[in-house]
N, C-alpha and C. Protein backbone atom coordinates (compact mmCIF):
# COMPACT_ATOMS: atom_id res chain seq x y z
N LEU A 1 252.81 115.24 -82.81
CA LEU A 1 252.43 116.53 -83.45
C LEU A 1 250.91 116.52 -83.08
N ALA A 2 249.98 117.36 -82.85
CA ALA A 2 248.52 117.68 -83.08
C ALA A 2 248.28 117.46 -84.22
N ASP A 3 247.08 117.14 -84.40
CA ASP A 3 246.35 116.80 -85.47
C ASP A 3 244.81 117.60 -85.96
N THR A 4 244.90 118.32 -84.95
CA THR A 4 243.68 119.64 -84.87
C THR A 4 244.19 120.44 -83.69
N ILE A 5 243.29 121.69 -84.51
CA ILE A 5 243.40 123.26 -84.10
C ILE A 5 242.98 122.48 -82.13
N GLU A 6 242.75 122.34 -82.01
CA GLU A 6 242.21 121.78 -80.67
C GLU A 6 243.31 121.25 -79.69
N GLU A 7 243.44 120.10 -80.65
CA GLU A 7 244.89 119.08 -79.61
C GLU A 7 246.08 120.22 -79.49
N TYR A 8 246.01 121.08 -80.90
CA TYR A 8 247.73 122.15 -80.98
C TYR A 8 246.81 123.06 -79.66
N ASP A 9 245.97 123.60 -79.45
CA ASP A 9 245.75 124.67 -78.22
C ASP A 9 245.81 123.31 -76.79
N ALA A 10 245.38 122.87 -76.52
CA ALA A 10 245.79 122.25 -75.61
C ALA A 10 247.20 121.74 -75.13
N ALA A 11 247.87 121.78 -76.44
CA ALA A 11 249.21 121.15 -76.17
C ALA A 11 249.91 122.35 -75.80
N VAL A 12 249.81 123.76 -75.97
CA VAL A 12 250.25 125.00 -75.83
C VAL A 12 249.85 125.35 -74.83
N ARG A 13 248.37 125.09 -74.35
CA ARG A 13 248.44 125.55 -73.15
C ARG A 13 248.83 124.71 -71.91
N ARG A 14 248.90 123.50 -72.38
CA ARG A 14 249.75 122.60 -71.17
C ARG A 14 251.51 123.27 -70.94
N GLU A 15 251.63 123.67 -71.82
CA GLU A 15 253.18 124.10 -71.95
C GLU A 15 253.28 125.42 -71.45
N LEU A 16 252.42 126.54 -71.43
CA LEU A 16 252.30 127.83 -71.11
C LEU A 16 251.63 128.32 -70.08
N ASP A 17 250.55 127.41 -70.01
CA ASP A 17 249.31 128.11 -68.90
C ASP A 17 250.38 128.00 -67.55
N PRO A 18 251.49 126.91 -66.59
CA PRO A 18 251.81 127.05 -65.59
C PRO A 18 252.79 128.41 -65.47
N LEU A 19 253.63 129.11 -66.28
CA LEU A 19 254.48 129.78 -66.14
C LEU A 19 253.74 131.00 -66.53
N SER A 20 252.63 131.04 -66.97
CA SER A 20 252.16 132.47 -67.45
C SER A 20 251.49 132.92 -65.94
N THR A 21 250.82 131.93 -65.61
CA THR A 21 249.99 131.98 -63.96
C THR A 21 251.11 132.23 -63.48
N ALA A 22 252.08 131.67 -62.79
CA ALA A 22 253.27 132.04 -61.98
C ALA A 22 253.31 133.52 -62.33
N GLY A 23 253.58 134.13 -63.42
CA GLY A 23 254.01 135.22 -63.68
C GLY A 23 253.55 135.91 -62.97
N TRP A 24 251.71 135.84 -63.66
CA TRP A 24 250.78 137.04 -63.44
C TRP A 24 250.30 137.07 -61.24
N GLY A 25 250.68 135.57 -60.62
CA GLY A 25 251.09 135.95 -59.31
C GLY A 25 251.99 136.60 -58.86
N ALA A 26 253.28 136.32 -59.92
CA ALA A 26 254.38 137.23 -58.78
C ALA A 26 254.31 138.85 -59.37
N LYS A 27 253.94 139.27 -60.32
CA LYS A 27 253.31 140.36 -60.40
C LYS A 27 252.05 141.33 -59.44
N LEU A 28 250.96 140.36 -59.00
CA LEU A 28 250.15 140.65 -58.05
C LEU A 28 250.63 140.24 -56.95
N ALA A 29 251.42 139.84 -56.36
CA ALA A 29 252.23 139.72 -55.04
C ALA A 29 252.84 141.35 -55.01
N LEU A 30 253.90 141.72 -56.43
CA LEU A 30 254.76 142.99 -56.44
C LEU A 30 253.99 143.87 -56.25
N ASP A 31 252.65 143.83 -56.72
CA ASP A 31 251.52 145.38 -56.85
C ASP A 31 251.39 145.26 -55.39
N ARG A 32 251.06 144.22 -54.77
CA ARG A 32 250.49 144.43 -53.37
C ARG A 32 251.39 144.27 -52.18
N PHE A 33 253.05 143.59 -52.41
CA PHE A 33 253.66 143.71 -51.23
C PHE A 33 254.73 143.91 -51.96
N PRO A 34 255.46 144.94 -53.05
CA PRO A 34 256.55 145.18 -53.19
C PRO A 34 257.45 145.24 -52.56
N ARG A 35 257.53 145.59 -51.28
CA ARG A 35 259.04 145.35 -50.78
C ARG A 35 259.74 144.13 -50.14
N ALA A 36 258.45 143.33 -49.90
CA ALA A 36 258.73 141.96 -49.49
C ALA A 36 259.49 140.98 -50.94
N VAL A 37 258.25 141.29 -52.16
CA VAL A 37 258.78 140.48 -53.62
C VAL A 37 260.31 141.07 -54.10
N PHE A 38 260.55 142.45 -53.60
CA PHE A 38 261.36 142.95 -54.14
C PHE A 38 262.31 142.11 -53.52
N ALA A 39 262.51 142.15 -52.09
CA ALA A 39 263.54 141.80 -51.54
C ALA A 39 263.90 139.91 -51.99
N LEU A 40 262.64 139.31 -52.21
CA LEU A 40 262.67 137.84 -52.44
C LEU A 40 263.33 138.01 -53.92
N MET A 41 263.33 138.60 -54.31
CA MET A 41 263.59 139.01 -56.38
C MET A 41 265.39 138.78 -56.43
N ARG A 42 265.29 139.58 -55.12
CA ARG A 42 267.11 140.23 -55.34
C ARG A 42 267.97 138.88 -54.60
N LEU A 43 267.21 137.81 -54.27
CA LEU A 43 268.41 136.70 -53.83
C LEU A 43 268.98 135.97 -55.15
N PRO A 44 270.09 135.81 -54.95
CA PRO A 44 270.77 134.53 -55.90
C PRO A 44 270.03 133.82 -56.40
N VAL A 45 269.51 133.04 -55.03
CA VAL A 45 268.92 131.96 -55.27
C VAL A 45 267.45 132.14 -56.36
N THR A 46 266.74 132.98 -56.08
CA THR A 46 265.83 132.98 -56.79
C THR A 46 265.99 133.25 -58.32
N TRP A 47 267.33 134.30 -58.38
CA TRP A 47 267.80 134.44 -59.60
C TRP A 47 268.20 133.33 -60.67
N ARG A 48 268.68 132.47 -59.51
CA ARG A 48 269.35 131.11 -60.39
C ARG A 48 267.64 130.35 -60.79
N VAL A 49 265.99 130.39 -60.30
CA VAL A 49 265.14 129.85 -60.54
C VAL A 49 264.90 130.59 -62.21
N ILE A 50 265.18 131.91 -62.15
CA ILE A 50 264.94 132.61 -63.24
C ILE A 50 265.56 132.24 -64.32
N GLU A 51 266.78 132.12 -63.86
CA GLU A 51 267.93 132.03 -65.00
C GLU A 51 267.59 130.40 -65.87
N LYS A 52 267.23 129.76 -64.61
CA LYS A 52 266.52 127.82 -65.45
C LYS A 52 265.19 128.52 -66.19
N LEU A 53 264.33 129.09 -65.70
CA LEU A 53 263.35 129.28 -66.42
C LEU A 53 263.75 130.26 -68.04
N MET A 54 264.48 130.95 -67.44
CA MET A 54 264.66 131.10 -69.62
C MET A 54 265.06 130.11 -70.10
N LEU A 55 266.21 129.68 -69.53
CA LEU A 55 267.34 128.44 -70.30
C LEU A 55 266.21 127.38 -70.32
N GLY A 56 265.05 127.39 -70.44
CA GLY A 56 264.06 126.37 -70.52
C GLY A 56 264.92 125.03 -69.57
N GLU A 57 265.30 124.93 -68.55
CA GLU A 57 266.03 123.89 -67.90
C GLU A 57 265.06 123.75 -66.75
N VAL A 58 263.51 124.46 -66.56
CA VAL A 58 262.66 124.30 -65.43
C VAL A 58 261.79 124.58 -66.24
N ALA A 59 260.27 124.36 -66.48
CA ALA A 59 259.06 124.58 -67.03
C ALA A 59 258.58 126.05 -66.29
N HIS A 60 258.15 125.60 -65.25
CA HIS A 60 257.73 126.73 -64.43
C HIS A 60 258.36 126.61 -63.19
N PRO A 61 257.99 128.03 -62.07
CA PRO A 61 258.95 128.02 -60.98
C PRO A 61 258.80 126.51 -60.17
N GLY A 62 257.45 126.31 -59.86
CA GLY A 62 257.21 125.01 -59.34
C GLY A 62 257.85 123.86 -59.24
N GLU A 63 258.92 123.76 -60.41
CA GLU A 63 259.70 122.93 -60.48
C GLU A 63 260.93 122.77 -60.31
N ALA A 64 261.57 123.78 -59.28
CA ALA A 64 262.46 124.87 -59.01
C ALA A 64 262.96 123.62 -57.42
N ARG A 65 264.04 123.62 -57.35
CA ARG A 65 264.56 122.58 -56.53
C ARG A 65 265.23 123.24 -55.25
N GLY A 66 265.70 122.71 -53.77
CA GLY A 66 266.23 123.77 -52.72
C GLY A 66 266.06 124.89 -52.38
N PRO A 67 266.95 126.10 -52.05
CA PRO A 67 266.34 126.93 -51.61
C PRO A 67 265.38 128.28 -52.57
N GLY A 68 265.77 127.67 -53.96
CA GLY A 68 265.20 128.97 -54.78
C GLY A 68 263.75 128.48 -54.87
N ARG A 69 263.14 127.11 -54.18
CA ARG A 69 261.86 126.51 -54.64
C ARG A 69 261.50 127.38 -53.39
N THR A 70 262.15 127.27 -52.37
CA THR A 70 261.45 127.91 -51.09
C THR A 70 260.88 129.55 -51.21
N ALA A 71 261.85 130.18 -52.38
CA ALA A 71 261.91 131.78 -52.59
C ALA A 71 260.48 131.72 -53.45
N MET A 72 260.65 130.70 -54.55
CA MET A 72 259.33 130.77 -55.22
C MET A 72 257.95 130.57 -54.25
N ARG A 73 258.26 129.54 -53.62
CA ARG A 73 256.76 129.12 -52.85
C ARG A 73 256.37 130.62 -51.98
N LEU A 74 257.46 131.50 -51.55
CA LEU A 74 257.04 132.56 -50.38
C LEU A 74 256.55 133.66 -50.98
N ILE A 75 257.04 133.66 -52.71
CA ILE A 75 256.04 134.63 -53.57
C ILE A 75 255.03 134.07 -53.91
N GLN A 76 254.71 132.95 -54.17
CA GLN A 76 253.46 132.41 -54.32
C GLN A 76 252.25 132.66 -53.02
N ALA A 77 253.59 132.12 -51.80
CA ALA A 77 251.97 132.34 -50.72
C ALA A 77 251.71 133.97 -50.70
N LEU A 78 252.82 135.25 -51.09
CA LEU A 78 252.58 136.29 -51.15
C LEU A 78 251.39 136.57 -51.99
N ALA A 79 251.53 136.29 -53.38
CA ALA A 79 250.41 135.99 -54.67
C ALA A 79 248.83 135.65 -53.83
N HIS A 80 249.32 134.56 -53.46
CA HIS A 80 247.71 134.35 -52.78
C HIS A 80 247.39 135.37 -51.88
N ALA A 81 248.12 135.88 -50.92
CA ALA A 81 247.47 136.93 -50.04
C ALA A 81 247.11 137.93 -50.69
N ALA A 82 247.38 138.27 -52.03
CA ALA A 82 247.15 139.28 -52.71
C ALA A 82 245.82 139.66 -53.17
């Protein structure tokens, strides 16, 4: 457990920043390349990653494996291009 507010802040950021960053990246990609991102988001492999995120089985999209990881990387690439 965190002994100080600073330690608590750092612990919360370690847990939530990767997911928050990924979410904002996906939003930017969707704003700039809506058809491409929507097509990727409709893939069953993408939904499996989202399901695992919601269930806490992966902490952030970068932890995904297999084809789901490929879909996440494509969305990430679009976010960087946006």
